[in-house]
Amino acid sequence: MDTLLLLKAAVMGVVEGLTEFLPISSTGHLILAGSLLGFADAKAKVFDIAIQTGAILAVVIVYWHRIRDTLVSLPHSRSAQHFALNVLIAFLPAVVLGLLFGKAIKAHLFTAPVVASTFILGAFVILWAERRPQSATCVYRVDEMTAWDALKVGLVQCAAMVPGTSRSGATIIGGMLLGLSRQTATDFSFFLAIPTLIGAGAYSLYKERALLSWADAPLFGVGLLLSFVSAWVCVRWLLRYIASHSFVPFAWYRIAFGVVVLLTWWSGAVVWAD
């Protein structure tokens, strides 16, 4: 396989892993990075979704003890059943809306101006959320979440179908606005990512299987590996970071990044692929 193509896959894998769980939109970064690298055809779009599985493996490893204990005790533990049901409830809205509107969104919204605009709008939501006082009735543990809490987070996650919004940003910041503590919102966002991203990757691979062949295995393998390694580093760092920091720096990054993309698009300095 072409060495240059494998290098592009490696870059895209690192971009995916570093941005998937931060509130800065991995999809937006992948769209823009793919445009700059000339890696934006139909197969590349399948690749972008498929390598999310590598990032998810990092979450599974970081939270392995909780996931293992939940699976083992699921048949007889009310607490484990409650937790699993909440993840399922939060997962379902994305499934329904993704099947209904996913094709139209990819056809019309995967553009540089849309990504840049949602980057900036999302930044203001983060700044607003960080300035609101925390509710006295805040939910401090994932196990304390109700089915209604889970459904609300699941509905908020659907906003991330618009590229540039950020799935992690929508669920973490949305969760905080809905009454979850920063730690609870972050933990639940990671758990919810497991079925959401694995499901999206599997569906995309199945739907676009005619585009793929065994010759593409090295390409996807490189992307998955680099996505996993960079996501593992990022998740461990983020869990330490949120213990004593806010998400405000990510908001300013989103604004700066969005402005640069809009200016380069408007001026023609960069020809962003649609």
Foldseek 3Di string as FASTA:
>chain_A
DDPLLLVLLLVLLLLLQQAQQAQFFSLLVSLQSCQVSVQDDPVSVLLNLQLVLLLLVLLCVVCVVVVVVLVVCVVPDPLSVQLVVLLVLLQPVLVVVCVVCVVVLVVPQSFLLQLLVLLQVLLVLQVVLVPDDADPQAAEALSPDHSVLSNQLSVQLNVPSRGNRHSNSSQQSVSRVVRYDNLNSSNSSSVSCNCNSVVRSVVSCVVVVVVDDPVCVSSSVSSNNSSNVSNNVNVVVVSVQVVPDGSNVSSVVSNVVSVVSVVCCVVVVRDRDD
